[in-house]
Protein backbone atom coordinates (compact mmCIF):
# COMPACT_ATOMS: atom_id res chain seq x y z
CA MET A 1 96.91 72.12 106.78
CA MET A 2 93.96 74.05 108.25
CA GLN A 3 96.33 76.25 110.24
CA GLN A 4 98.25 77.08 107.08
CA LEU A 5 95.02 78.00 105.29
CA GLN A 6 93.90 80.17 108.20
CA LYS A 7 97.28 81.89 108.30
CA MET A 8 97.09 82.52 104.55
CA GLN A 9 93.56 83.93 104.92
CA GLN A 10 94.79 86.30 107.63
CA GLU A 11 97.74 87.38 105.51
CA MET A 12 95.45 87.93 102.51
CA ALA A 13 93.08 90.06 104.61
CA LYS A 14 96.03 92.11 105.85
CA ALA A 15 97.35 92.51 102.29
CA GLN A 16 93.91 93.63 101.06
CA ASP A 17 93.76 96.25 103.84
CA GLU A 18 97.23 97.47 102.91
CA ILE A 19 96.23 97.66 99.25
CA GLN A 20 93.11 99.70 100.06
CA ASN A 21 95.15 102.10 102.20
CA ALA A 22 98.06 102.42 99.76
CA VAL A 23 98.33 105.61 97.73
CA VAL A 24 99.96 105.74 94.32
CA GLU A 25 100.59 108.76 92.14
CA GLY A 26 100.21 108.88 88.40
CA ALA A 27 101.46 111.75 86.29
CA ALA A 28 101.35 113.09 82.76
CA ALA A 29 102.69 116.04 80.79
CA GLY A 30 106.01 115.91 82.61
CA GLY A 31 104.32 116.01 86.00
CA ALA A 32 102.09 118.99 85.21
CA VAL A 33 99.09 116.78 85.97
CA LYS A 34 99.22 114.42 88.94
CA VAL A 35 96.61 112.01 90.22
CA LYS A 36 96.66 110.31 93.61
CA MET A 37 94.71 107.08 93.81
CA SER A 38 94.17 104.49 96.51
CA GLY A 39 95.08 100.87 95.91
CA ASP A 40 91.40 100.11 95.39
CA PHE A 41 91.25 102.65 92.53
CA LYS A 42 89.59 105.57 94.30
CA VAL A 43 90.90 108.93 93.10
CA THR A 44 91.81 111.02 96.12
CA LYS A 45 93.44 114.06 94.51
CA ILE A 46 94.13 115.69 91.16
CA SER A 47 96.81 118.39 90.96
CA LEU A 48 97.25 120.69 87.98
CA GLU A 49 100.08 123.13 87.37
CA ARG A 50 98.78 126.52 86.28
CA GLY A 51 100.56 126.40 82.94
CA ILE A 52 98.71 123.27 81.86
CA VAL A 53 95.33 125.05 81.95
CA ASP A 54 94.65 126.78 78.64
CA PRO A 55 91.02 127.90 78.26
CA GLU A 56 91.47 127.77 74.48
CA ASP A 57 92.59 124.11 74.53
CA ILE A 58 90.41 122.16 76.96
CA GLU A 59 90.75 118.96 74.89
CA THR A 60 94.47 118.68 75.61
CA LEU A 61 93.87 119.13 79.33
CA GLU A 62 91.20 116.42 79.22
CA ASP A 63 93.60 114.06 77.43
CA VAL A 64 96.38 114.72 79.93
CA ILE A 65 94.07 114.09 82.89
CA VAL A 66 93.01 110.77 81.34
CA ALA A 67 96.68 109.84 80.83
CA ALA A 68 97.49 110.65 84.48
CA LEU A 69 94.49 108.60 85.66
CA ASN A 70 95.58 105.65 83.53
CA ASP A 71 99.13 105.94 84.88
CA ALA A 72 97.84 105.93 88.47
CA ARG A 73 95.59 102.95 87.79
CA ALA A 74 98.46 100.98 86.26
CA LYS A 75 100.60 101.71 89.32
CA ALA A 76 97.78 100.70 91.68
CA GLU A 77 97.29 97.43 89.77
CA GLU A 78 101.02 96.74 89.85
CA TYR A 79 101.19 97.40 93.60
CA SER A 80 98.16 95.17 94.22
CA THR A 81 99.57 92.33 92.12
CA LYS A 82 102.96 92.48 93.84
CA ARG A 83 101.43 92.62 97.31
CA MET A 84 99.06 89.71 96.70
CA SER A 85 101.82 87.65 95.03
CA ALA A 86 103.87 88.03 98.20
CA VAL A 87 101.03 86.36 100.12
CA THR A 88 100.04 83.70 97.59
CA GLY A 89 103.54 82.83 96.48
CA GLY A 90 102.59 83.64 92.91
CA LEU A 91 99.56 81.32 92.80
CA LYS A 92 96.77 82.64 90.63
CA ILE A 93 93.67 82.67 92.82
CA PRO A 94 90.43 83.53 91.00
CA GLY A 95 89.08 86.92 92.03
CA MET A 96 92.38 88.14 93.44
């Protein structure tokens, strides 16, 4: 039993490392705004197509950036959940 728990702990640590090092990409406005985010929700890059930047309409650009960030976060959460479920066998462990 202890060996199984130790093995699971090692697999969970490995999965957490993989999650932190994973990169997901969220997009909005048909891909005109892209956000790269690590699996631990750190934004690493924002890309904007030139046509999306309109100095007369900053509010739309702000909204599209928020949408791309939310898309990236949802993808990071989904990746994290799938990766941890593979280790835990679908068990819900508090804090994971």
